Amino acid sequence: MKTEKQKMLDGEPYRPGDDQLCLERSRAQRLMRAYNQTIVDDIDVRRPILDQLLGAVGRDVAIRAPFYVDYGSNIYIGDNVFMNFGCVVLDVCKVVIGEHCLLGPCVQIYTADHPRDPRERESGIEFGRPVTIGRNVWLGGHAIILPGVTIGDDVIVGAGSVVRHDVPSGATVTGNPARVKS
């Protein structure tokens, strides 16, 4: 029988109040608090916190505080990534951010989702779908990436856009919902 964590990671309905999941979120919150109390000059303090918090973090990664996650351990960041102030990554499933990506302020990446049926939603179950962001992607400030989205390489997502569907490599998307700009 699967644990609630395994169900969560597999994108199946799970109970977020599970003891193990609560402990893991608390761990992430302690690490976030420590990270968010640092400043850019605290390189020797910041990197070890990110190494503990995230599933993987590449070389020359800069994440401006504050930075918010659910678990952190399901986030995999490539080399040379910059994340500006106030980014939120709800990582109940795997989130991959490719190398050379730029995330503007307050970008939000969601893998967490809720049932559409009101009775199921009221029961408290949740589920998630992974998000993958290719290499050399620029997500403009306040962009929102919804659960299950894959963004190809060399993409630009305009500021304030809400990305609901996969984006092909080389595209520029803007708007709510985000559409390929012609």
N, C-alpha and C. Protein backbone atom coordinates (compact mmCIF):
# COMPACT_ATOMS: atom_id res chain seq x y z
N MET A 1 0.84 -1.19 0.00
CA MET A 1 0.00 0.00 0.00
C MET A 1 0.88 1.25 0.00
N LYS A 2 0.52 2.24 -0.81
CA LYS A 2 1.31 3.46 -0.94
C LYS A 2 1.09 4.38 0.26
N THR A 3 2.17 5.07 0.61
CA THR A 3 2.04 6.12 1.62
C THR A 3 1.37 7.33 0.98
N GLU A 4 0.90 8.24 1.81
CA GLU A 4 0.30 9.48 1.29
C GLU A 4 1.34 10.26 0.49
N LYS A 5 2.59 10.22 0.93
CA LYS A 5 3.65 10.92 0.20
C LYS A 5 3.83 10.32 -1.19
N GLN A 6 3.84 8.99 -1.29
CA GLN A 6 4.02 8.36 -2.60
C GLN A 6 2.84 8.67 -3.51
N LYS A 7 1.63 8.67 -2.95
CA LYS A 7 0.45 9.05 -3.73
C LYS A 7 0.61 10.48 -4.25
N MET A 8 1.05 11.37 -3.36
CA MET A 8 1.24 12.77 -3.73
C MET A 8 2.23 12.89 -4.88
N LEU A 9 3.38 12.25 -4.74
CA LEU A 9 4.42 12.35 -5.76
C LEU A 9 3.98 11.71 -7.08
N ASP A 10 3.11 10.72 -7.01
CA ASP A 10 2.62 10.03 -8.21
C ASP A 10 1.42 10.74 -8.85
N GLY A 11 1.00 11.87 -8.28
CA GLY A 11 -0.11 12.62 -8.84
C GLY A 11 -1.47 12.03 -8.55
N GLU A 12 -1.55 11.17 -7.54
CA GLU A 12 -2.81 10.55 -7.15
C GLU A 12 -3.43 11.34 -6.00
N PRO A 13 -4.74 11.18 -5.79
CA PRO A 13 -5.36 11.85 -4.63
C PRO A 13 -4.68 11.41 -3.33
N TYR A 14 -4.41 12.38 -2.46
CA TYR A 14 -3.74 12.11 -1.18
C TYR A 14 -4.29 13.04 -0.12
N ARG A 15 -3.97 12.72 1.11
CA ARG A 15 -4.42 13.53 2.26
C ARG A 15 -3.24 14.37 2.75
N PRO A 16 -3.29 15.70 2.57
CA PRO A 16 -2.18 16.56 2.96
C PRO A 16 -1.94 16.64 4.47
N GLY A 17 -2.92 16.23 5.28
CA GLY A 17 -2.77 16.26 6.73
C GLY A 17 -2.00 15.07 7.28
N ASP A 18 -1.51 14.19 6.41
CA ASP A 18 -0.72 13.04 6.83
C ASP A 18 0.47 13.49 7.68
N ASP A 19 0.77 12.74 8.74
CA ASP A 19 1.83 13.12 9.68
C ASP A 19 3.18 13.33 8.98
N GLN A 20 3.57 12.42 8.10
CA GLN A 20 4.86 12.55 7.42
C GLN A 20 4.90 13.81 6.56
N LEU A 21 3.82 14.09 5.85
CA LEU A 21 3.79 15.28 5.00
C LEU A 21 3.82 16.55 5.84
N CYS A 22 3.13 16.55 6.97
CA CYS A 22 3.16 17.71 7.87
C CYS A 22 4.57 17.96 8.39
N LEU A 23 5.28 16.90 8.75
CA LEU A 23 6.66 17.04 9.22
C LEU A 23 7.56 17.60 8.13
N GLU A 24 7.37 17.12 6.92
CA GLU A 24 8.21 17.59 5.81
C GLU A 24 7.92 19.05 5.47
N ARG A 25 6.67 19.46 5.55
CA ARG A 25 6.34 20.88 5.32
C ARG A 25 6.92 21.75 6.43
N SER A 26 6.89 21.27 7.66
CA SER A 26 7.48 22.03 8.77
C SER A 26 8.99 22.20 8.58
N ARG A 27 9.64 21.14 8.14
CA ARG A 27 11.09 21.21 7.85
C ARG A 27 11.36 22.27 6.79
N ALA A 28 10.56 22.26 5.73
CA ALA A 28 10.73 23.24 4.66
C ALA A 28 10.50 24.65 5.19
N GLN A 29 9.50 24.82 6.04
CA GLN A 29 9.22 26.15 6.59
C GLN A 29 10.38 26.66 7.45
N ARG A 30 10.99 25.78 8.22
CA ARG A 30 12.15 26.21 9.02
C ARG A 30 13.30 26.65 8.11
N LEU A 31 13.55 25.88 7.05
CA LEU A 31 14.63 26.24 6.13
C LEU A 31 14.30 27.52 5.36
N MET A 32 13.03 27.68 4.96
CA MET A 32 12.62 28.92 4.29
C MET A 32 12.81 30.12 5.19
N ARG A 33 12.42 29.97 6.46
CA ARG A 33 12.59 31.08 7.40
C ARG A 33 14.05 31.47 7.51
N ALA A 34 14.92 30.49 7.63
CA ALA A 34 16.36 30.78 7.72
C ALA A 34 16.85 31.46 6.44
N TYR A 35 16.46 30.95 5.30
CA TYR A 35 16.89 31.52 4.02
C TYR A 35 16.36 32.94 3.86
N ASN A 36 15.10 33.14 4.18
CA ASN A 36 14.47 34.44 3.97
C ASN A 36 14.96 35.52 4.93
N GLN A 37 15.74 35.14 5.91
CA GLN A 37 16.35 36.13 6.81
C GLN A 37 17.75 36.53 6.35
N THR A 38 18.20 35.99 5.23
CA THR A 38 19.52 36.33 4.72
C THR A 38 19.43 37.46 3.71
N ILE A 39 20.61 37.99 3.37
CA ILE A 39 20.71 38.98 2.30
C ILE A 39 21.66 38.43 1.24
N VAL A 40 21.69 39.09 0.11
CA VAL A 40 22.46 38.61 -1.04
C VAL A 40 23.94 38.36 -0.71
N ASP A 41 24.50 39.12 0.23
CA ASP A 41 25.91 38.94 0.60
C ASP A 41 26.18 37.69 1.42
N ASP A 42 25.14 37.03 1.91
CA ASP A 42 25.29 35.86 2.78
C ASP A 42 25.47 34.57 1.98
N ILE A 43 26.35 34.60 1.00
CA ILE A 43 26.56 33.46 0.10
C ILE A 43 26.91 32.19 0.87
N ASP A 44 27.79 32.30 1.85
CA ASP A 44 28.22 31.12 2.61
C ASP A 44 27.10 30.53 3.46
N VAL A 45 26.06 31.31 3.74
CA VAL A 45 24.92 30.83 4.52
C VAL A 45 23.82 30.32 3.59
N ARG A 46 23.59 31.05 2.51
CA ARG A 46 22.48 30.74 1.61
C ARG A 46 22.63 29.39 0.91
N ARG A 47 23.79 29.14 0.34
CA ARG A 47 23.96 27.91 -0.45
C ARG A 47 23.70 26.65 0.37
N PRO A 48 24.26 26.52 1.57
CA PRO A 48 23.96 25.31 2.35
C PRO A 48 22.46 25.15 2.67
N ILE A 49 21.76 26.26 2.87
CA ILE A 49 20.32 26.16 3.13
C ILE A 49 19.62 25.64 1.88
N LEU A 50 19.95 26.20 0.71
CA LEU A 50 19.33 25.73 -0.53
C LEU A 50 19.64 24.26 -0.78
N ASP A 51 20.88 23.84 -0.47
CA ASP A 51 21.25 22.43 -0.65
C ASP A 51 20.41 21.51 0.22
N GLN A 52 20.04 21.97 1.41
CA GLN A 52 19.18 21.19 2.30
C GLN A 52 17.71 21.25 1.86
N LEU A 53 17.29 22.40 1.38
CA LEU A 53 15.88 22.63 1.07
C LEU A 53 15.45 21.99 -0.24
N LEU A 54 16.26 22.13 -1.28
CA LEU A 54 15.84 21.73 -2.62
C LEU A 54 16.31 20.33 -2.98
N GLY A 55 15.61 19.70 -3.93
CA GLY A 55 15.99 18.38 -4.41
C GLY A 55 17.35 18.41 -5.10
N ALA A 56 17.60 19.45 -5.88
CA ALA A 56 18.90 19.68 -6.52
C ALA A 56 18.98 21.15 -6.88
N VAL A 57 20.17 21.69 -6.76
CA VAL A 57 20.40 23.09 -7.12
C VAL A 57 21.75 23.18 -7.83
N GLY A 58 21.72 23.72 -9.05
CA GLY A 58 22.91 23.80 -9.88
C GLY A 58 23.89 24.87 -9.43
N ARG A 59 24.90 25.05 -10.26
CA ARG A 59 25.92 26.08 -10.01
C ARG A 59 25.37 27.45 -10.37
N ASP A 60 25.88 28.45 -9.69
CA ASP A 60 25.56 29.85 -9.98
C ASP A 60 24.06 30.12 -10.02
N VAL A 61 23.37 29.62 -9.00
CA VAL A 61 21.94 29.87 -8.84
C VAL A 61 21.75 31.01 -7.86
N ALA A 62 20.94 31.98 -8.23
CA ALA A 62 20.63 33.12 -7.35
C ALA A 62 19.13 33.15 -7.12
N ILE A 63 18.74 33.04 -5.86
CA ILE A 63 17.33 33.12 -5.49
C ILE A 63 17.18 34.25 -4.48
N ARG A 64 16.48 35.30 -4.88
CA ARG A 64 16.27 36.44 -4.00
C ARG A 64 15.21 36.09 -2.95
N ALA A 65 15.48 36.47 -1.72
CA ALA A 65 14.52 36.28 -0.64
C ALA A 65 13.52 37.44 -0.68
N PRO A 66 12.26 37.16 -0.37
CA PRO A 66 11.74 35.89 0.13
C PRO A 66 11.45 34.91 -0.99
N PHE A 67 11.50 33.63 -0.63
CA PHE A 67 11.28 32.50 -1.53
C PHE A 67 10.40 31.51 -0.77
N TYR A 68 9.35 31.01 -1.41
CA TYR A 68 8.39 30.16 -0.72
C TYR A 68 8.17 28.84 -1.45
N VAL A 69 8.12 27.75 -0.69
CA VAL A 69 7.88 26.41 -1.23
C VAL A 69 6.95 25.65 -0.30
N ASP A 70 6.40 24.53 -0.80
CA ASP A 70 5.66 23.61 0.05
C ASP A 70 6.63 22.65 0.74
N TYR A 71 7.42 21.96 -0.06
CA TYR A 71 8.35 20.95 0.45
C TYR A 71 9.79 21.26 0.09
N GLY A 72 10.03 21.83 -1.07
CA GLY A 72 11.38 22.13 -1.52
C GLY A 72 12.08 20.93 -2.12
N SER A 73 11.93 19.79 -1.49
CA SER A 73 12.65 18.58 -1.92
C SER A 73 12.22 18.08 -3.29
N ASN A 74 11.13 18.59 -3.83
CA ASN A 74 10.66 18.17 -5.15
C ASN A 74 11.01 19.18 -6.24
N ILE A 75 11.91 20.12 -5.91
CA ILE A 75 12.33 21.17 -6.85
C ILE A 75 13.76 20.89 -7.29
N TYR A 76 13.97 20.88 -8.62
CA TYR A 76 15.27 20.60 -9.22
C TYR A 76 15.62 21.76 -10.14
N ILE A 77 16.68 22.50 -9.77
CA ILE A 77 17.05 23.72 -10.48
C ILE A 77 18.40 23.52 -11.15
N GLY A 78 18.47 23.86 -12.44
CA GLY A 78 19.70 23.74 -13.22
C GLY A 78 20.68 24.87 -12.93
N ASP A 79 21.79 24.85 -13.64
CA ASP A 79 22.85 25.86 -13.50
C ASP A 79 22.38 27.22 -14.01
N ASN A 80 22.95 28.27 -13.44
CA ASN A 80 22.77 29.64 -13.92
C ASN A 80 21.31 30.08 -13.97
N VAL A 81 20.60 29.82 -12.90
CA VAL A 81 19.20 30.22 -12.79
C VAL A 81 19.10 31.41 -11.84
N PHE A 82 18.26 32.37 -12.22
CA PHE A 82 18.00 33.53 -11.37
C PHE A 82 16.51 33.58 -11.08
N MET A 83 16.18 33.67 -9.79
CA MET A 83 14.79 33.82 -9.36
C MET A 83 14.70 35.10 -8.54
N ASN A 84 13.88 36.02 -8.99
CA ASN A 84 13.78 37.32 -8.33
C ASN A 84 12.91 37.21 -7.07
N PHE A 85 12.73 38.32 -6.38
CA PHE A 85 12.02 38.38 -5.10
C PHE A 85 10.62 37.79 -5.17
N GLY A 86 10.23 37.06 -4.13
CA GLY A 86 8.85 36.65 -3.93
C GLY A 86 8.35 35.48 -4.74
N CYS A 87 9.24 34.67 -5.31
CA CYS A 87 8.78 33.52 -6.08
C CYS A 87 8.17 32.46 -5.16
N VAL A 88 7.14 31.78 -5.67
CA VAL A 88 6.42 30.74 -4.94
C VAL A 88 6.43 29.48 -5.79
N VAL A 89 6.86 28.35 -5.20
CA VAL A 89 6.83 27.07 -5.91
C VAL A 89 6.10 26.07 -5.03
N LEU A 90 4.87 25.71 -5.42
CA LEU A 90 4.09 24.72 -4.69
C LEU A 90 4.43 23.36 -5.27
N ASP A 91 5.32 22.66 -4.60
CA ASP A 91 5.95 21.46 -5.16
C ASP A 91 5.46 20.17 -4.54
N VAL A 92 4.16 19.89 -4.67
CA VAL A 92 3.67 18.60 -4.21
C VAL A 92 4.06 17.50 -5.19
N CYS A 93 4.42 17.89 -6.40
CA CYS A 93 5.00 17.00 -7.41
C CYS A 93 6.30 17.64 -7.88
N LYS A 94 7.00 16.92 -8.72
CA LYS A 94 8.31 17.37 -9.19
C LYS A 94 8.20 18.66 -10.02
N VAL A 95 9.12 19.58 -9.75
CA VAL A 95 9.28 20.79 -10.53
C VAL A 95 10.72 20.83 -11.02
N VAL A 96 10.89 20.91 -12.33
CA VAL A 96 12.22 21.01 -12.93
C VAL A 96 12.32 22.37 -13.60
N ILE A 97 13.37 23.11 -13.24
CA ILE A 97 13.67 24.40 -13.87
C ILE A 97 15.02 24.26 -14.54
N GLY A 98 15.04 24.34 -15.86
CA GLY A 98 16.25 24.12 -16.64
C GLY A 98 17.30 25.20 -16.44
N GLU A 99 18.46 24.94 -16.99
CA GLU A 99 19.57 25.88 -16.83
C GLU A 99 19.31 27.17 -17.61
N HIS A 100 19.93 28.22 -17.14
CA HIS A 100 19.88 29.56 -17.75
C HIS A 100 18.47 30.16 -17.77
N CYS A 101 17.65 29.83 -16.79
CA CYS A 101 16.30 30.40 -16.71
C CYS A 101 16.31 31.66 -15.85
N LEU A 102 15.41 32.56 -16.19
CA LEU A 102 15.21 33.80 -15.44
C LEU A 102 13.75 33.85 -15.01
N LEU A 103 13.52 34.01 -13.71
CA LEU A 103 12.17 34.13 -13.18
C LEU A 103 12.03 35.52 -12.56
N GLY A 104 11.09 36.28 -13.06
CA GLY A 104 10.86 37.62 -12.55
C GLY A 104 10.27 37.60 -11.16
N PRO A 105 10.07 38.78 -10.57
CA PRO A 105 9.52 38.84 -9.22
C PRO A 105 8.11 38.23 -9.16
N CYS A 106 7.87 37.54 -8.07
CA CYS A 106 6.55 36.99 -7.75
C CYS A 106 6.02 35.97 -8.75
N VAL A 107 6.94 35.31 -9.47
CA VAL A 107 6.51 34.19 -10.33
C VAL A 107 6.00 33.08 -9.42
N GLN A 108 4.94 32.42 -9.86
CA GLN A 108 4.35 31.34 -9.09
C GLN A 108 4.24 30.09 -9.96
N ILE A 109 4.73 28.98 -9.43
CA ILE A 109 4.69 27.69 -10.11
C ILE A 109 3.90 26.75 -9.22
N TYR A 110 2.79 26.23 -9.75
CA TYR A 110 1.91 25.38 -8.97
C TYR A 110 1.90 23.96 -9.52
N THR A 111 2.19 22.98 -8.68
CA THR A 111 1.90 21.59 -9.03
C THR A 111 0.67 21.13 -8.27
N ALA A 112 0.32 21.81 -7.19
CA ALA A 112 -0.82 21.43 -6.34
C ALA A 112 -2.13 21.76 -7.03
N ASP A 113 -3.08 20.84 -6.88
CA ASP A 113 -4.39 21.03 -7.49
C ASP A 113 -5.46 20.45 -6.56
N HIS A 114 -6.71 20.73 -6.87
CA HIS A 114 -7.83 20.29 -6.04
C HIS A 114 -8.91 19.69 -6.93
N PRO A 115 -9.68 18.76 -6.39
CA PRO A 115 -10.76 18.15 -7.17
C PRO A 115 -11.77 19.20 -7.63
N ARG A 116 -12.34 18.96 -8.80
CA ARG A 116 -13.36 19.87 -9.32
C ARG A 116 -14.72 19.59 -8.67
N ASP A 117 -14.95 18.32 -8.33
CA ASP A 117 -16.20 17.94 -7.69
C ASP A 117 -16.25 18.51 -6.28
N PRO A 118 -17.30 19.26 -5.92
CA PRO A 118 -17.33 19.90 -4.60
C PRO A 118 -17.29 18.92 -3.43
N ARG A 119 -17.90 17.76 -3.57
CA ARG A 119 -17.89 16.77 -2.48
C ARG A 119 -16.49 16.22 -2.25
N GLU A 120 -15.80 15.93 -3.36
CA GLU A 120 -14.41 15.46 -3.23
C GLU A 120 -13.53 16.54 -2.62
N ARG A 121 -13.72 17.78 -3.08
CA ARG A 121 -12.92 18.89 -2.56
C ARG A 121 -13.17 19.08 -1.08
N GLU A 122 -14.41 18.97 -0.65
CA GLU A 122 -14.77 19.12 0.75
C GLU A 122 -14.15 18.03 1.62
N SER A 123 -13.86 16.88 1.05
CA SER A 123 -13.25 15.78 1.80
C SER A 123 -11.81 16.07 2.20
N GLY A 124 -11.20 17.08 1.57
CA GLY A 124 -9.84 17.46 1.94
C GLY A 124 -8.75 16.81 1.12
N ILE A 125 -9.12 15.94 0.16
CA ILE A 125 -8.07 15.34 -0.65
C ILE A 125 -7.55 16.35 -1.66
N GLU A 126 -6.31 16.14 -2.05
CA GLU A 126 -5.65 16.98 -3.05
C GLU A 126 -4.93 16.06 -4.02
N PHE A 127 -4.40 16.64 -5.09
CA PHE A 127 -3.53 15.90 -6.01
C PHE A 127 -2.63 16.92 -6.67
N GLY A 128 -1.68 16.45 -7.42
CA GLY A 128 -0.78 17.35 -8.11
C GLY A 128 -0.36 16.79 -9.45
N ARG A 129 0.25 17.68 -10.25
CA ARG A 129 0.80 17.29 -11.54
C ARG A 129 2.12 18.04 -11.71
N PRO A 130 3.17 17.36 -12.18
CA PRO A 130 4.49 17.98 -12.27
C PRO A 130 4.54 19.13 -13.27
N VAL A 131 5.52 19.99 -13.08
CA VAL A 131 5.79 21.11 -13.99
C VAL A 131 7.25 21.00 -14.43
N THR A 132 7.46 21.17 -15.73
CA THR A 132 8.81 21.17 -16.29
C THR A 132 9.02 22.44 -17.09
N ILE A 133 10.11 23.12 -16.80
CA ILE A 133 10.48 24.34 -17.52
C ILE A 133 11.82 24.07 -18.19
N GLY A 134 11.87 24.25 -19.49
CA GLY A 134 13.08 23.97 -20.27
C GLY A 134 14.22 24.92 -19.96
N ARG A 135 15.22 24.88 -20.80
CA ARG A 135 16.41 25.72 -20.60
C ARG A 135 16.20 27.10 -21.27
N ASN A 136 16.86 28.09 -20.71
CA ASN A 136 16.87 29.44 -21.27
C ASN A 136 15.47 30.03 -21.41
N VAL A 137 14.66 29.83 -20.38
CA VAL A 137 13.29 30.35 -20.36
C VAL A 137 13.25 31.60 -19.49
N TRP A 138 12.50 32.58 -19.93
CA TRP A 138 12.29 33.80 -19.16
C TRP A 138 10.82 33.88 -18.79
N LEU A 139 10.55 33.81 -17.49
CA LEU A 139 9.20 33.96 -16.97
C LEU A 139 9.08 35.37 -16.41
N GLY A 140 8.28 36.20 -17.04
CA GLY A 140 8.12 37.59 -16.60
C GLY A 140 7.45 37.67 -15.24
N GLY A 141 7.64 38.80 -14.58
CA GLY A 141 7.12 39.02 -13.24
C GLY A 141 5.63 38.70 -13.13
N HIS A 142 5.27 38.06 -12.03
CA HIS A 142 3.89 37.70 -11.71
C HIS A 142 3.28 36.67 -12.66
N ALA A 143 4.11 36.00 -13.48
CA ALA A 143 3.59 34.91 -14.31
C ALA A 143 3.19 33.76 -13.38
N ILE A 144 2.17 33.02 -13.78
CA ILE A 144 1.69 31.87 -13.03
C ILE A 144 1.72 30.66 -13.96
N ILE A 145 2.39 29.60 -13.50
CA ILE A 145 2.46 28.35 -14.24
C ILE A 145 1.59 27.33 -13.51
N LEU A 146 0.56 26.82 -14.16
CA LEU A 146 -0.40 25.93 -13.52
C LEU A 146 0.05 24.47 -13.57
N PRO A 147 -0.58 23.61 -12.75
CA PRO A 147 -0.17 22.21 -12.64
C PRO A 147 -0.17 21.49 -13.99
N GLY A 148 0.85 20.64 -14.17
CA GLY A 148 0.94 19.78 -15.34
C GLY A 148 1.53 20.41 -16.58
N VAL A 149 1.96 21.66 -16.52
CA VAL A 149 2.46 22.37 -17.69
C VAL A 149 3.93 22.02 -17.95
N THR A 150 4.25 21.84 -19.23
CA THR A 150 5.63 21.72 -19.68
C THR A 150 5.92 22.90 -20.59
N ILE A 151 7.01 23.61 -20.30
CA ILE A 151 7.43 24.75 -21.10
C ILE A 151 8.73 24.36 -21.79
N GLY A 152 8.77 24.50 -23.11
CA GLY A 152 9.94 24.13 -23.89
C GLY A 152 11.11 25.08 -23.67
N ASP A 153 12.18 24.83 -24.40
CA ASP A 153 13.39 25.66 -24.33
C ASP A 153 13.17 27.00 -25.02
N ASP A 154 13.93 28.01 -24.57
CA ASP A 154 13.99 29.32 -25.23
C ASP A 154 12.64 30.03 -25.30
N VAL A 155 11.80 29.83 -24.30
CA VAL A 155 10.47 30.41 -24.26
C VAL A 155 10.50 31.71 -23.47
N ILE A 156 9.64 32.64 -23.85
CA ILE A 156 9.37 33.85 -23.06
C ILE A 156 7.91 33.80 -22.64
N VAL A 157 7.67 33.96 -21.35
CA VAL A 157 6.32 34.06 -20.81
C VAL A 157 6.16 35.50 -20.32
N GLY A 158 5.25 36.23 -20.92
CA GLY A 158 5.06 37.63 -20.59
C GLY A 158 4.63 37.84 -19.15
N ALA A 159 4.99 39.00 -18.62
CA ALA A 159 4.63 39.36 -17.25
C ALA A 159 3.12 39.25 -17.05
N GLY A 160 2.74 38.67 -15.93
CA GLY A 160 1.33 38.55 -15.58
C GLY A 160 0.57 37.46 -16.30
N SER A 161 1.22 36.70 -17.15
CA SER A 161 0.55 35.65 -17.91
C SER A 161 0.21 34.46 -17.02
N VAL A 162 -0.88 33.78 -17.36
CA VAL A 162 -1.28 32.56 -16.67
C VAL A 162 -1.18 31.42 -17.68
N VAL A 163 -0.20 30.54 -17.45
CA VAL A 163 0.08 29.46 -18.40
C VAL A 163 -0.68 28.21 -17.97
N ARG A 164 -1.68 27.83 -18.77
CA ARG A 164 -2.55 26.69 -18.47
C ARG A 164 -2.20 25.45 -19.30
N HIS A 165 -1.49 25.65 -20.42
CA HIS A 165 -1.21 24.56 -21.35
C HIS A 165 0.28 24.56 -21.69
N ASP A 166 0.76 23.43 -22.20
CA ASP A 166 2.16 23.32 -22.59
C ASP A 166 2.52 24.41 -23.60
N VAL A 167 3.80 24.83 -23.56
CA VAL A 167 4.30 25.87 -24.45
C VAL A 167 5.44 25.28 -25.27
N PRO A 168 5.37 25.35 -26.61
CA PRO A 168 6.43 24.78 -27.44
C PRO A 168 7.72 25.60 -27.37
N SER A 169 8.83 24.95 -27.60
CA SER A 169 10.13 25.62 -27.60
C SER A 169 10.11 26.81 -28.55
N GLY A 170 10.77 27.88 -28.14
CA GLY A 170 10.93 29.06 -28.97
C GLY A 170 9.75 30.02 -28.98
N ALA A 171 8.66 29.67 -28.33
CA ALA A 171 7.46 30.51 -28.37
C ALA A 171 7.55 31.65 -27.37
N THR A 172 6.77 32.69 -27.64
CA THR A 172 6.49 33.75 -26.68
C THR A 172 5.00 33.69 -26.40
N VAL A 173 4.64 33.61 -25.11
CA VAL A 173 3.24 33.57 -24.73
C VAL A 173 2.92 34.72 -23.80
N THR A 174 1.70 35.24 -23.95
CA THR A 174 1.26 36.34 -23.10
C THR A 174 -0.22 36.19 -22.82
N GLY A 175 -0.67 36.82 -21.73
CA GLY A 175 -2.09 36.93 -21.45
C GLY A 175 -2.61 35.94 -20.44
N ASN A 176 -3.92 36.05 -20.19
CA ASN A 176 -4.64 35.17 -19.27
C ASN A 176 -5.93 34.74 -19.96
N PRO A 177 -5.96 33.49 -20.44
CA PRO A 177 -4.89 32.49 -20.42
C PRO A 177 -3.81 32.84 -21.45
N ALA A 178 -2.60 32.35 -21.16
CA ALA A 178 -1.47 32.64 -22.05
C ALA A 178 -1.69 32.00 -23.41
N ARG A 179 -1.41 32.78 -24.44
CA ARG A 179 -1.52 32.29 -25.82
C ARG A 179 -0.24 32.65 -26.55
N VAL A 180 0.11 31.82 -27.53
CA VAL A 180 1.30 32.09 -28.34
C VAL A 180 1.09 33.39 -29.09
N LYS A 181 2.09 34.26 -28.98
CA LYS A 181 2.04 35.56 -29.63
C LYS A 181 2.50 35.37 -31.08
N SER A 182 1.72 35.90 -32.00
CA SER A 182 2.10 35.73 -33.42
C SER A 182 2.85 36.92 -33.95
